[in-house]
Amino acid sequence: MAIADADCKFIVIDVGAYVSNSDGGIIQDSAFYKLLNSNNLNIPEPTFIPGTNTTVPFVFVADEAFPLSPNMMRPFPRRELTDEKRIFNYRVSRARRQVECAFGIYLIKHVADSFGND
């Protein structure tokens, strides 16, 4: 499991779970999840969306295997999606790409060097 910021930099990496474990089970056993649920991550208070009177919490974007919580955003289940929910899921998926990009950048910078340049 990994968490990356908007600049594709890892801020949390948790390795050591068995492959046979589900993503949901892995996160619930992680130190990160325990800190998140006990409100010990020092997440900023909800803030106003610029130009509005609407406040929103700071969230981590996850896939549908993870539990929904006030600071964990995940896509709607795939069954019976309205167009609005489908668009929301697409946007959540785009946000999740930051972690995928962070893995790609890491591989290019660190792992590719070990194969040498013949």
PDB file of N, CA and C in Angstrom:
ATOM      1  N   MET A   1       0.848  -1.165   0.000  1.00  0.00           N
ATOM      2  CA  MET A   1       0.000   0.000   0.000  1.00  0.00           C
ATOM      3  C   MET A   1       0.895   1.231   0.000  1.00  0.00           C
ATOM      4  N   ALA A   2       0.489   2.239  -0.731  1.00  0.00           N
ATOM      5  CA  ALA A   2       1.265   3.469  -0.776  1.00  0.00           C
ATOM      6  C   ALA A   2       0.337   4.672  -0.871  1.00  0.00           C
ATOM      7  N   ILE A   3       0.810   5.780  -0.345  1.00  0.00           N
ATOM      8  CA  ILE A   3       0.112   7.058  -0.459  1.00  0.00           C
ATOM      9  C   ILE A   3       1.094   8.029  -1.085  1.00  0.00           C
ATOM     10  N   ALA A   4       0.629   8.718  -2.130  1.00  0.00           N
ATOM     11  CA  ALA A   4       1.462   9.708  -2.800  1.00  0.00           C
ATOM     12  C   ALA A   4       0.737  11.045  -2.787  1.00  0.00           C
ATOM     13  N   ASP A   5       1.521  12.127  -2.779  1.00  0.00           N
ATOM     14  CA  ASP A   5       0.912  13.453  -2.810  1.00  0.00           C
ATOM     15  C   ASP A   5       0.660  13.876  -4.261  1.00  0.00           C
ATOM     16  N   ALA A   6       0.162  15.098  -4.451  1.00  0.00           N
ATOM     17  CA  ALA A   6      -0.179  15.595  -5.783  1.00  0.00           C
ATOM     18  C   ALA A   6       1.044  15.750  -6.679  1.00  0.00           C
ATOM     19  N   ASP A   7       2.251  15.740  -6.103  1.00  0.00           N
ATOM     20  CA  ASP A   7       3.486  15.847  -6.880  1.00  0.00           C
ATOM     21  C   ASP A   7       4.110  14.484  -7.148  1.00  0.00           C
ATOM     22  N   CYS A   8       3.348  13.412  -6.971  1.00  0.00           N
ATOM     23  CA  CYS A   8       3.801  12.029  -7.203  1.00  0.00           C
ATOM     24  C   CYS A   8       4.953  11.637  -6.287  1.00  0.00           C
ATOM     25  N   LYS A   9       4.981  12.180  -5.092  1.00  0.00           N
ATOM     26  CA  LYS A   9       5.998  11.806  -4.107  1.00  0.00           C
ATOM     27  C   LYS A   9       5.329  10.938  -3.053  1.00  0.00           C
ATOM     28  N   PHE A  10       5.974   9.809  -2.748  1.00  0.00           N
ATOM     29  CA  PHE A  10       5.426   8.929  -1.721  1.00  0.00           C
ATOM     30  C   PHE A  10       5.523   9.597  -0.356  1.00  0.00           C
ATOM     31  N   ILE A  11       4.422   9.532   0.393  1.00  0.00           N
ATOM     32  CA  ILE A  11       4.440  10.034   1.767  1.00  0.00           C
ATOM     33  C   ILE A  11       4.220   8.903   2.766  1.00  0.00           C
ATOM     34  N   VAL A  12       3.668   7.769   2.296  1.00  0.00           N
ATOM     35  CA  VAL A  12       3.508   6.568   3.119  1.00  0.00           C
ATOM     36  C   VAL A  12       3.680   5.355   2.215  1.00  0.00           C
ATOM     37  N   ILE A  13       4.469   4.403   2.671  1.00  0.00           N
ATOM     38  CA  ILE A  13       4.578   3.115   1.988  1.00  0.00           C
ATOM     39  C   ILE A  13       4.514   2.049   3.067  1.00  0.00           C
ATOM     40  N   ASP A  14       3.639   1.072   2.862  1.00  0.00           N
ATOM     41  CA  ASP A  14       3.497  -0.028   3.812  1.00  0.00           C
ATOM     42  C   ASP A  14       3.665  -1.325   3.040  1.00  0.00           C
ATOM     43  N   VAL A  15       4.798  -1.986   3.226  1.00  0.00           N
ATOM     44  CA  VAL A  15       5.042  -3.267   2.574  1.00  0.00           C
ATOM     45  C   VAL A  15       5.106  -4.343   3.651  1.00  0.00           C
ATOM     46  N   GLY A  16       4.779  -5.535   3.269  1.00  0.00           N
ATOM     47  CA  GLY A  16       4.872  -6.608   4.242  1.00  0.00           C
ATOM     48  C   GLY A  16       3.594  -7.395   4.397  1.00  0.00           C
ATOM     49  N   ALA A  17       2.560  -7.056   3.618  1.00  0.00           N
ATOM     50  CA  ALA A  17       1.321  -7.832   3.691  1.00  0.00           C
ATOM     51  C   ALA A  17       1.422  -9.028   2.755  1.00  0.00           C
ATOM     52  N   TYR A  18       0.730 -10.083   3.083  1.00  0.00           N
ATOM     53  CA  TYR A  18       0.705 -11.270   2.243  1.00  0.00           C
ATOM     54  C   TYR A  18      -0.144 -11.017   1.005  1.00  0.00           C
ATOM     55  N   VAL A  19       0.281 -11.555  -0.114  1.00  0.00           N
ATOM     56  CA  VAL A  19      -0.430 -11.365  -1.374  1.00  0.00           C
ATOM     57  C   VAL A  19      -1.858 -11.879  -1.282  1.00  0.00           C
ATOM     58  N   SER A  20      -2.078 -12.914  -0.507  1.00  0.00           N
ATOM     59  CA  SER A  20      -3.412 -13.506  -0.421  1.00  0.00           C
ATOM     60  C   SER A  20      -4.404 -12.637   0.357  1.00  0.00           C
ATOM     61  N   ASN A  21      -3.930 -11.622   1.067  1.00  0.00           N
ATOM     62  CA  ASN A  21      -4.827 -10.740   1.812  1.00  0.00           C
ATOM     63  C   ASN A  21      -5.516  -9.771   0.868  1.00  0.00           C
ATOM     64  N   SER A  22      -6.751  -9.410   1.183  1.00  0.00           N
ATOM     65  CA  SER A  22      -7.475  -8.426   0.382  1.00  0.00           C
ATOM     66  C   SER A  22      -6.973  -7.029   0.692  1.00  0.00           C
ATOM     67  N   ASP A  23      -7.168  -6.101  -0.261  1.00  0.00           N
ATOM     68  CA  ASP A  23      -6.761  -4.712  -0.028  1.00  0.00           C
ATOM     69  C   ASP A  23      -7.445  -4.141   1.209  1.00  0.00           C
ATOM     70  N   GLY A  24      -8.741  -4.439   1.357  1.00  0.00           N
ATOM     71  CA  GLY A  24      -9.476  -3.937   2.518  1.00  0.00           C
ATOM     72  C   GLY A  24      -8.915  -4.473   3.825  1.00  0.00           C
ATOM     73  N   GLY A  25      -8.546  -5.746   3.840  1.00  0.00           N
ATOM     74  CA  GLY A  25      -7.955  -6.338   5.041  1.00  0.00           C
ATOM     75  C   GLY A  25      -6.577  -5.784   5.333  1.00  0.00           C
ATOM     76  N   ILE A  26      -5.801  -5.528   4.280  1.00  0.00           N
ATOM     77  CA  ILE A  26      -4.453  -4.984   4.460  1.00  0.00           C
ATOM     78  C   ILE A  26      -4.518  -3.599   5.081  1.00  0.00           C
ATOM     79  N   ILE A  27      -5.386  -2.744   4.565  1.00  0.00           N
ATOM     80  CA  ILE A  27      -5.433  -1.378   5.114  1.00  0.00           C
ATOM     81  C   ILE A  27      -5.937  -1.393   6.548  1.00  0.00           C
ATOM     82  N   GLN A  28      -6.909  -2.228   6.863  1.00  0.00           N
ATOM     83  CA  GLN A  28      -7.444  -2.227   8.228  1.00  0.00           C
ATOM     84  C   GLN A  28      -6.422  -2.694   9.247  1.00  0.00           C
ATOM     85  N   ASP A  29      -5.407  -3.438   8.806  1.00  0.00           N
ATOM     86  CA  ASP A  29      -4.341  -3.871   9.710  1.00  0.00           C
ATOM     87  C   ASP A  29      -3.144  -2.921   9.719  1.00  0.00           C
ATOM     88  N   SER A  30      -3.177  -1.880   8.896  1.00  0.00           N
ATOM     89  CA  SER A  30      -2.016  -0.995   8.766  1.00  0.00           C
ATOM     90  C   SER A  30      -1.967   0.059   9.878  1.00  0.00           C
ATOM     91  N   ALA A  31      -0.761   0.497  10.177  1.00  0.00           N
ATOM     92  CA  ALA A  31      -0.576   1.569  11.163  1.00  0.00           C
ATOM     93  C   ALA A  31      -1.249   2.851  10.679  1.00  0.00           C
ATOM     94  N   PHE A  32      -1.182   3.111   9.366  1.00  0.00           N
ATOM     95  CA  PHE A  32      -1.826   4.307   8.800  1.00  0.00           C
ATOM     96  C   PHE A  32      -3.310   4.331   9.117  1.00  0.00           C
ATOM     97  N   TYR A  33      -4.014   3.217   8.862  1.00  0.00           N
ATOM     98  CA  TYR A  33      -5.455   3.167   9.069  1.00  0.00           C
ATOM     99  C   TYR A  33      -5.809   3.342  10.547  1.00  0.00           C
ATOM    100  N   LYS A  34      -5.013   2.751  11.408  1.00  0.00           N
ATOM    101  CA  LYS A  34      -5.264   2.903  12.845  1.00  0.00           C
ATOM    102  C   LYS A  34      -5.104   4.355  13.276  1.00  0.00           C
ATOM    103  N   LEU A  35      -4.087   5.032  12.737  1.00  0.00           N
ATOM    104  CA  LEU A  35      -3.897   6.455  13.046  1.00  0.00           C
ATOM    105  C   LEU A  35      -5.028   7.293  12.460  1.00  0.00           C
ATOM    106  N   LEU A  36      -5.459   6.962  11.244  1.00  0.00           N
ATOM    107  CA  LEU A  36      -6.553   7.693  10.601  1.00  0.00           C
ATOM    108  C   LEU A  36      -7.831   7.576  11.424  1.00  0.00           C
ATOM    109  N   ASN A  37      -8.173   6.368  11.845  1.00  0.00           N
ATOM    110  CA  ASN A  37      -9.410   6.155  12.606  1.00  0.00           C
ATOM    111  C   ASN A  37      -9.368   6.736  14.006  1.00  0.00           C
ATOM    112  N   SER A  38      -8.177   6.902  14.560  1.00  0.00           N
ATOM    113  CA  SER A  38      -8.071   7.484  15.902  1.00  0.00           C
ATOM    114  C   SER A  38      -7.809   8.990  15.853  1.00  0.00           C
ATOM    115  N   ASN A  39      -7.913   9.569  14.656  1.00  0.00           N
ATOM    116  CA  ASN A  39      -7.705  11.015  14.456  1.00  0.00           C
ATOM    117  C   ASN A  39      -6.328  11.477  14.920  1.00  0.00           C
ATOM    118  N   ASN A  40      -5.306  10.669  14.668  1.00  0.00           N
ATOM    119  CA  ASN A  40      -3.945  11.009  15.077  1.00  0.00           C
ATOM    120  C   ASN A  40      -3.013  11.261  13.895  1.00  0.00           C
ATOM    121  N   LEU A  41      -3.557  11.638  12.736  1.00  0.00           N
ATOM    122  CA  LEU A  41      -2.721  11.926  11.569  1.00  0.00           C
ATOM    123  C   LEU A  41      -2.472  13.420  11.362  1.00  0.00           C
ATOM    124  N   ASN A  42      -3.019  14.245  12.213  1.00  0.00           N
ATOM    125  CA  ASN A  42      -2.883  15.703  12.081  1.00  0.00           C
ATOM    126  C   ASN A  42      -3.373  16.196  10.721  1.00  0.00           C
ATOM    127  N   ILE A  43      -4.491  15.663  10.283  1.00  0.00           N
ATOM    128  CA  ILE A  43      -5.111  16.118   9.033  1.00  0.00           C
ATOM    129  C   ILE A  43      -5.720  17.493   9.306  1.00  0.00           C
ATOM    130  N   PRO A  44      -5.501  18.455   8.394  1.00  0.00           N
ATOM    131  CA  PRO A  44      -6.089  19.789   8.603  1.00  0.00           C
ATOM    132  C   PRO A  44      -7.607  19.724   8.725  1.00  0.00           C
ATOM    133  N   GLU A  45      -8.152  20.692   9.404  1.00  0.00           N
ATOM    134  CA  GLU A  45      -9.605  20.805   9.544  1.00  0.00           C
ATOM    135  C   GLU A  45     -10.225  21.050   8.167  1.00  0.00           C
ATOM    136  N   PRO A  46     -11.498  20.686   7.989  1.00  0.00           N
ATOM    137  CA  PRO A  46     -12.168  21.004   6.720  1.00  0.00           C
ATOM    138  C   PRO A  46     -12.032  22.493   6.409  1.00  0.00           C
ATOM    139  N   THR A  47     -11.958  22.801   5.136  1.00  0.00           N
ATOM    140  CA  THR A  47     -11.754  24.188   4.722  1.00  0.00           C
ATOM    141  C   THR A  47     -12.746  24.552   3.623  1.00  0.00           C
ATOM    142  N   PHE A  48     -12.912  25.844   3.408  1.00  0.00           N
ATOM    143  CA  PHE A  48     -13.842  26.327   2.389  1.00  0.00           C
ATOM    144  C   PHE A  48     -13.276  26.106   0.998  1.00  0.00           C
ATOM    145  N   ILE A  49     -14.166  25.738   0.070  1.00  0.00           N
ATOM    146  CA  ILE A  49     -13.798  25.718  -1.338  1.00  0.00           C
ATOM    147  C   ILE A  49     -13.726  27.184  -1.756  1.00  0.00           C
ATOM    148  N   PRO A  50     -12.627  27.604  -2.395  1.00  0.00           N
ATOM    149  CA  PRO A  50     -12.500  29.023  -2.771  1.00  0.00           C
ATOM    150  C   PRO A  50     -13.719  29.536  -3.540  1.00  0.00           C
ATOM    151  N   GLY A  51     -14.196  30.686  -3.142  1.00  0.00           N
ATOM    152  CA  GLY A  51     -15.326  31.326  -3.804  1.00  0.00           C
ATOM    153  C   GLY A  51     -16.677  30.787  -3.410  1.00  0.00           C
ATOM    154  N   THR A  52     -16.725  29.936  -2.362  1.00  0.00           N
ATOM    155  CA  THR A  52     -18.009  29.362  -1.929  1.00  0.00           C
ATOM    156  C   THR A  52     -18.116  29.432  -0.409  1.00  0.00           C
ATOM    157  N   ASN A  53     -19.270  29.038   0.080  1.00  0.00           N
ATOM    158  CA  ASN A  53     -19.477  28.892   1.521  1.00  0.00           C
ATOM    159  C   ASN A  53     -19.487  27.418   1.917  1.00  0.00           C
ATOM    160  N   THR A  54     -18.978  26.560   1.058  1.00  0.00           N
ATOM    161  CA  THR A  54     -18.989  25.117   1.270  1.00  0.00           C
ATOM    162  C   THR A  54     -17.656  24.661   1.845  1.00  0.00           C
ATOM    163  N   THR A  55     -17.719  23.918   2.958  1.00  0.00           N
ATOM    164  CA  THR A  55     -16.493  23.355   3.521  1.00  0.00           C
ATOM    165  C   THR A  55     -16.388  21.888   3.126  1.00  0.00           C
ATOM    166  N   VAL A  56     -15.169  21.450   2.913  1.00  0.00           N
ATOM    167  CA  VAL A  56     -14.919  20.052   2.574  1.00  0.00           C
ATOM    168  C   VAL A  56     -13.738  19.552   3.389  1.00  0.00           C
ATOM    169  N   PRO A  57     -13.750  18.266   3.740  1.00  0.00           N
ATOM    170  CA  PRO A  57     -12.618  17.708   4.486  1.00  0.00           C
ATOM    171  C   PRO A  57     -11.459  17.382   3.544  1.00  0.00           C
ATOM    172  N   PHE A  58     -10.272  17.278   4.089  1.00  0.00           N
ATOM    173  CA  PHE A  58      -9.135  16.757   3.348  1.00  0.00           C
ATOM    174  C   PHE A  58      -9.298  15.243   3.328  1.00  0.00           C
ATOM    175  N   VAL A  59      -9.062  14.630   2.171  1.00  0.00           N
ATOM    176  CA  VAL A  59      -9.319  13.200   2.035  1.00  0.00           C
ATOM    177  C   VAL A  59      -8.152  12.480   1.369  1.00  0.00           C
ATOM    178  N   PHE A  60      -8.096  11.174   1.614  1.00  0.00           N
ATOM    179  CA  PHE A  60      -7.242  10.254   0.885  1.00  0.00           C
ATOM    180  C   PHE A  60      -8.140   9.594  -0.151  1.00  0.00           C
ATOM    181  N   VAL A  61      -7.647   9.444  -1.364  1.00  0.00           N
ATOM    182  CA  VAL A  61      -8.420   8.829  -2.433  1.00  0.00           C
ATOM    183  C   VAL A  61      -8.014   7.362  -2.527  1.00  0.00           C
ATOM    184  N   ALA A  62      -9.001   6.472  -2.492  1.00  0.00           N
ATOM    185  CA  ALA A  62      -8.732   5.029  -2.466  1.00  0.00           C
ATOM    186  C   ALA A  62      -9.564   4.316  -3.522  1.00  0.00           C
ATOM    187  N   ASP A  63      -9.305   3.023  -3.694  1.00  0.00           N
ATOM    188  CA  ASP A  63     -10.154   2.252  -4.597  1.00  0.00           C
ATOM    189  C   ASP A  63     -11.310   1.648  -3.802  1.00  0.00           C
ATOM    190  N   GLU A  64     -12.189   0.943  -4.510  1.00  0.00           N
ATOM    191  CA  GLU A  64     -13.430   0.491  -3.865  1.00  0.00           C
ATOM    192  C   GLU A  64     -13.245  -0.611  -2.839  1.00  0.00           C
ATOM    193  N   ALA A  65     -12.047  -1.156  -2.727  1.00  0.00           N
ATOM    194  CA  ALA A  65     -11.791  -2.170  -1.699  1.00  0.00           C
ATOM    195  C   ALA A  65     -11.667  -1.551  -0.310  1.00  0.00           C
ATOM    196  N   PHE A  66     -11.420  -0.269  -0.256  1.00  0.00           N
ATOM    197  CA  PHE A  66     -11.197   0.399   1.023  1.00  0.00           C
ATOM    198  C   PHE A  66     -12.495   0.923   1.601  1.00  0.00           C
ATOM    199  N   PRO A  67     -12.580   0.974   2.921  1.00  0.00           N
ATOM    200  CA  PRO A  67     -13.819   1.454   3.555  1.00  0.00           C
ATOM    201  C   PRO A  67     -13.973   2.965   3.419  1.00  0.00           C
ATOM    202  N   LEU A  68     -15.195   3.394   3.258  1.00  0.00           N
ATOM    203  CA  LEU A  68     -15.509   4.816   3.192  1.00  0.00           C
ATOM    204  C   LEU A  68     -15.463   5.398   4.599  1.00  0.00           C
ATOM    205  N   SER A  69     -14.848   6.561   4.757  1.00  0.00           N
ATOM    206  CA  SER A  69     -14.804   7.248   6.046  1.00  0.00           C
ATOM    207  C   SER A  69     -14.731   8.745   5.776  1.00  0.00           C
ATOM    208  N   PRO A  70     -14.856   9.587   6.801  1.00  0.00           N
ATOM    209  CA  PRO A  70     -14.841  11.035   6.564  1.00  0.00           C
ATOM    210  C   PRO A  70     -13.587  11.539   5.849  1.00  0.00           C
ATOM    211  N   ASN A  71     -12.463  10.857   5.999  1.00  0.00           N
ATOM    212  CA  ASN A  71     -11.237  11.295   5.341  1.00  0.00           C
ATOM    213  C   ASN A  71     -10.748  10.289   4.292  1.00  0.00           C
ATOM    214  N   MET A  72     -11.628   9.400   3.848  1.00  0.00           N
ATOM    215  CA  MET A  72     -11.276   8.413   2.825  1.00  0.00           C
ATOM    216  C   MET A  72     -12.346   8.459   1.743  1.00  0.00           C
ATOM    217  N   MET A  73     -11.960   8.870   0.533  1.00  0.00           N
ATOM    218  CA  MET A  73     -12.890   8.937  -0.585  1.00  0.00           C
ATOM    219  C   MET A  73     -12.650   7.735  -1.491  1.00  0.00           C
ATOM    220  N   ARG A  74     -13.724   7.119  -1.914  1.00  0.00           N
ATOM    221  CA  ARG A  74     -13.624   5.953  -2.794  1.00  0.00           C
ATOM    222  C   ARG A  74     -14.748   6.021  -3.810  1.00  0.00           C
ATOM    223  N   PRO A  75     -14.637   5.278  -4.893  1.00  0.00           N
ATOM    224  CA  PRO A  75     -15.702   5.308  -5.899  1.00  0.00           C
ATOM    225  C   PRO A  75     -16.983   4.633  -5.406  1.00  0.00           C
ATOM    226  N   PHE A  76     -18.071   4.977  -6.061  1.00  0.00           N
ATOM    227  CA  PHE A  76     -19.338   4.291  -5.803  1.00  0.00           C
ATOM    228  C   PHE A  76     -19.234   2.861  -6.306  1.00  0.00           C
ATOM    229  N   PRO A  77     -19.954   1.921  -5.685  1.00  0.00           N
ATOM    230  CA  PRO A  77     -19.986   0.556  -6.224  1.00  0.00           C
ATOM    231  C   PRO A  77     -20.484   0.584  -7.675  1.00  0.00           C
ATOM    232  N   ARG A  78     -20.026  -0.340  -8.481  1.00  0.00           N
ATOM    233  CA  ARG A  78     -20.293  -0.307  -9.926  1.00  0.00           C
ATOM    234  C   ARG A  78     -21.720  -0.644 -10.315  1.00  0.00           C
ATOM    235  N   ARG A  79     -22.483  -1.193  -9.418  1.00  0.00           N
ATOM    236  CA  ARG A  79     -23.847  -1.580  -9.795  1.00  0.00           C
ATOM    237  C   ARG A  79     -24.775  -0.360  -9.800  1.00  0.00           C
ATOM    238  N   GLU A  80     -25.619  -0.305 -10.790  1.00  0.00           N
ATOM    239  CA  GLU A  80     -26.656   0.726 -10.898  1.00  0.00           C
ATOM    240  C   GLU A  80     -26.109   2.144 -10.752  1.00  0.00           C
ATOM    241  N   LEU A  81     -25.101   2.485 -11.520  1.00  0.00           N
ATOM    242  CA  LEU A  81     -24.539   3.829 -11.466  1.00  0.00           C
ATOM    243  C   LEU A  81     -25.365   4.804 -12.293  1.00  0.00           C
ATOM    244  N   THR A  82     -25.650   5.957 -11.711  1.00  0.00           N
ATOM    245  CA  THR A  82     -26.241   7.041 -12.484  1.00  0.00           C
ATOM    246  C   THR A  82     -25.116   7.703 -13.271  1.00  0.00           C
ATOM    247  N   ASP A  83     -25.455   8.557 -14.215  1.00  0.00           N
ATOM    248  CA  ASP A  83     -24.417   9.273 -14.968  1.00  0.00           C
ATOM    249  C   ASP A  83     -23.565  10.127 -14.032  1.00  0.00           C
ATOM    250  N   GLU A  84     -24.209  10.744 -13.048  1.00  0.00           N
ATOM    251  CA  GLU A  84     -23.476  11.582 -12.092  1.00  0.00           C
ATOM    252  C   GLU A  84     -22.459  10.756 -11.292  1.00  0.00           C
ATOM    253  N   LYS A  85     -22.862   9.575 -10.840  1.00  0.00           N
ATOM    254  CA  LYS A  85     -21.952   8.709 -10.079  1.00  0.00           C
ATOM    255  C   LYS A  85     -20.843   8.153 -10.966  1.00  0.00           C
ATOM    256  N   ARG A  86     -21.152   7.862 -12.220  1.00  0.00           N
ATOM    257  CA  ARG A  86     -20.149   7.371 -13.152  1.00  0.00           C
ATOM    258  C   ARG A  86     -19.076   8.443 -13.389  1.00  0.00           C
ATOM    259  N   ILE A  87     -19.510   9.687 -13.534  1.00  0.00           N
ATOM    260  CA  ILE A  87     -18.566  10.802 -13.710  1.00  0.00           C
ATOM    261  C   ILE A  87     -17.732  10.978 -12.452  1.00  0.00           C
ATOM    262  N   PHE A  88     -18.359  10.881 -11.282  1.00  0.00           N
ATOM    263  CA  PHE A  88     -17.616  10.968 -10.018  1.00  0.00           C
ATOM    264  C   PHE A  88     -16.549   9.870  -9.959  1.00  0.00           C
ATOM    265  N   ASN A  89     -16.927   8.640 -10.285  1.00  0.00           N
ATOM    266  CA  ASN A  89     -15.977   7.522 -10.261  1.00  0.00           C
ATOM    267  C   ASN A  89     -14.810   7.766 -11.207  1.00  0.00           C
ATOM    268  N   TYR A  90     -15.092   8.327 -12.378  1.00  0.00           N
ATOM    269  CA  TYR A  90     -14.030   8.642 -13.331  1.00  0.00           C
ATOM    270  C   TYR A  90     -13.055   9.642 -12.718  1.00  0.00           C
ATOM    271  N   ARG A  91     -13.571  10.642 -12.052  1.00  0.00           N
ATOM    272  CA  ARG A  91     -12.709  11.668 -11.456  1.00  0.00           C
ATOM    273  C   ARG A  91     -11.906  11.118 -10.280  1.00  0.00           C
ATOM    274  N   VAL A  92     -12.500  10.243  -9.490  1.00  0.00           N
ATOM    275  CA  VAL A  92     -11.751   9.586  -8.411  1.00  0.00           C
ATOM    276  C   VAL A  92     -10.626   8.741  -9.013  1.00  0.00           C
ATOM    277  N   SER A  93     -10.937   8.049 -10.098  1.00  0.00           N
ATOM    278  CA  SER A  93      -9.930   7.233 -10.771  1.00  0.00           C
ATOM    279  C   SER A  93      -8.770   8.088 -11.274  1.00  0.00           C
ATOM    280  N   ARG A  94      -9.072   9.253 -11.803  1.00  0.00           N
ATOM    281  CA  ARG A  94      -8.004  10.150 -12.262  1.00  0.00           C
ATOM    282  C   ARG A  94      -7.139  10.609 -11.098  1.00  0.00           C
ATOM    283  N   ALA A  95      -7.733  10.864  -9.963  1.00  0.00           N
ATOM    284  CA  ALA A  95      -6.947  11.271  -8.785  1.00  0.00           C
ATOM    285  C   ALA A  95      -6.063  10.127  -8.301  1.00  0.00           C
ATOM    286  N   ARG A  96      -6.576   8.906  -8.373  1.00  0.00           N
ATOM    287  CA  ARG A  96      -5.797   7.734  -7.946  1.00  0.00           C
ATOM    288  C   ARG A  96      -4.592   7.487  -8.845  1.00  0.00           C
ATOM    289  N   ARG A  97      -4.618   8.004 -10.052  1.00  0.00           N
ATOM    290  CA  ARG A  97      -3.491   7.824 -10.970  1.00  0.00           C
ATOM    291  C   ARG A  97      -2.201   8.426 -10.429  1.00  0.00           C
ATOM    292  N   GLN A  98      -2.291   9.369  -9.503  1.00  0.00           N
ATOM    293  CA  GLN A  98      -1.076   9.964  -8.936  1.00  0.00           C
ATOM    294  C   GLN A  98      -0.202   8.897  -8.294  1.00  0.00           C
ATOM    295  N   VAL A  99      -0.811   7.955  -7.609  1.00  0.00           N
ATOM    296  CA  VAL A  99      -0.032   6.888  -6.991  1.00  0.00           C
ATOM    297  C   VAL A  99       0.594   6.008  -8.071  1.00  0.00           C
ATOM    298  N   GLU A 100      -0.170   5.695  -9.111  1.00  0.00           N
ATOM    299  CA  GLU A 100       0.380   4.894 -10.209  1.00  0.00           C
ATOM    300  C   GLU A 100       1.552   5.619 -10.867  1.00  0.00           C
ATOM    301  N   CYS A 101       1.423   6.918 -11.050  1.00  0.00           N
ATOM    302  CA  CYS A 101       2.523   7.709 -11.632  1.00  0.00           C
ATOM    303  C   CYS A 101       3.732   7.705 -10.703  1.00  0.00           C
ATOM    304  N   ALA A 102       3.496   7.798  -9.403  1.00  0.00           N
ATOM    305  CA  ALA A 102       4.608   7.786  -8.442  1.00  0.00           C
ATOM    306  C   ALA A 102       5.384   6.475  -8.541  1.00  0.00           C
ATOM    307  N   PHE A 103       4.679   5.348  -8.689  1.00  0.00           N
ATOM    308  CA  PHE A 103       5.361   4.059  -8.859  1.00  0.00           C
ATOM    309  C   PHE A 103       6.183   4.054 -10.152  1.00  0.00           C
ATOM    310  N   GLY A 104       5.618   4.580 -11.226  1.00  0.00           N
ATOM    311  CA  GLY A 104       6.333   4.641 -12.491  1.00  0.00           C
ATOM    312  C   GLY A 104       7.583   5.497 -12.405  1.00  0.00           C
ATOM    313  N   ILE A 105       7.468   6.644 -11.762  1.00  0.00           N
ATOM    314  CA  ILE A 105       8.619   7.537 -11.587  1.00  0.00           C
ATOM    315  C   ILE A 105       9.685   6.864 -10.740  1.00  0.00           C
ATOM    316  N   TYR A 106       9.268   6.190  -9.680  1.00  0.00           N
ATOM    317  CA  TYR A 106      10.222   5.476  -8.832  1.00  0.00           C
ATOM    318  C   TYR A 106      10.978   4.424  -9.636  1.00  0.00           C
ATOM    319  N   LEU A 107      10.233   3.654 -10.420  1.00  0.00           N
ATOM    320  CA  LEU A 107      10.872   2.606 -11.224  1.00  0.00           C
ATOM    321  C   LEU A 107      11.897   3.191 -12.192  1.00  0.00           C
ATOM    322  N   ILE A 108      11.537   4.262 -12.858  1.00  0.00           N
ATOM    323  CA  ILE A 108      12.454   4.882 -13.819  1.00  0.00           C
ATOM    324  C   ILE A 108      13.710   5.396 -13.118  1.00  0.00           C
ATOM    325  N   LYS A 109      13.540   6.041 -11.970  1.00  0.00           N
ATOM    326  CA  LYS A 109      14.680   6.642 -11.271  1.00  0.00           C
ATOM    327  C   LYS A 109      15.560   5.634 -10.561  1.00  0.00           C
ATOM    328  N   HIS A 110      14.984   4.588  -9.995  1.00  0.00           N
ATOM    329  CA  HIS A 110      15.746   3.725  -9.099  1.00  0.00           C
ATOM    330  C   HIS A 110      15.950   2.294  -9.609  1.00  0.00           C
ATOM    331  N   VAL A 111      14.942   1.702 -10.170  1.00  0.00           N
ATOM    332  CA  VAL A 111      15.057   0.301 -10.563  1.00  0.00           C
ATOM    333  C   VAL A 111      15.706   0.175 -11.935  1.00  0.00           C
ATOM    334  N   ALA A 112      15.363   1.025 -12.884  1.00  0.00           N
ATOM    335  CA  ALA A 112      15.939   0.925 -14.226  1.00  0.00           C
ATOM    336  C   ALA A 112      17.448   1.069 -14.201  1.00  0.00           C
ATOM    337  N   ASP A 113      17.991   1.855 -13.282  1.00  0.00           N
ATOM    338  CA  ASP A 113      19.438   2.021 -13.187  1.00  0.00           C
ATOM    339  C   ASP A 113      20.150   0.703 -12.876  1.00  0.00           C
ATOM    340  N   SER A 114      19.488  -0.187 -12.166  1.00  0.00           N
ATOM    341  CA  SER A 114      20.121  -1.442 -11.788  1.00  0.00           C
ATOM    342  C   SER A 114      20.268  -2.404 -12.973  1.00  0.00           C
ATOM    343  N   PHE A 115      19.555  -2.142 -14.072  1.00  0.00           N
ATOM    344  CA  PHE A 115      19.685  -2.985 -15.263  1.00  0.00           C
ATOM    345  C   PHE A 115      20.797  -2.515 -16.183  1.00  0.00           C
ATOM    346  N   GLY A 116      21.344  -1.336 -15.900  1.00  0.00           N
ATOM    347  CA  GLY A 116      22.460  -0.822 -16.706  1.00  0.00           C
ATOM    348  C   GLY A 116      22.008  -0.309 -18.055  1.00  0.00           C
ATOM    349  N   ASN A 117      22.872   0.383 -18.680  1.00  0.00           N
ATOM    350  CA  ASN A 117      22.607   0.942 -20.007  1.00  0.00           C
ATOM    351  C   ASN A 117      23.597   0.346 -20.999  1.00  0.00           C
ATOM    352  N   ASP A 118      23.234  -0.772 -21.604  1.00  0.00           N
ATOM    353  CA  ASP A 118      24.132  -1.447 -22.541  1.00  0.00           C
ATOM    354  C   ASP A 118      24.217  -0.719 -23.829  1.00  0.00           C
TER     355      ASP A 118
END
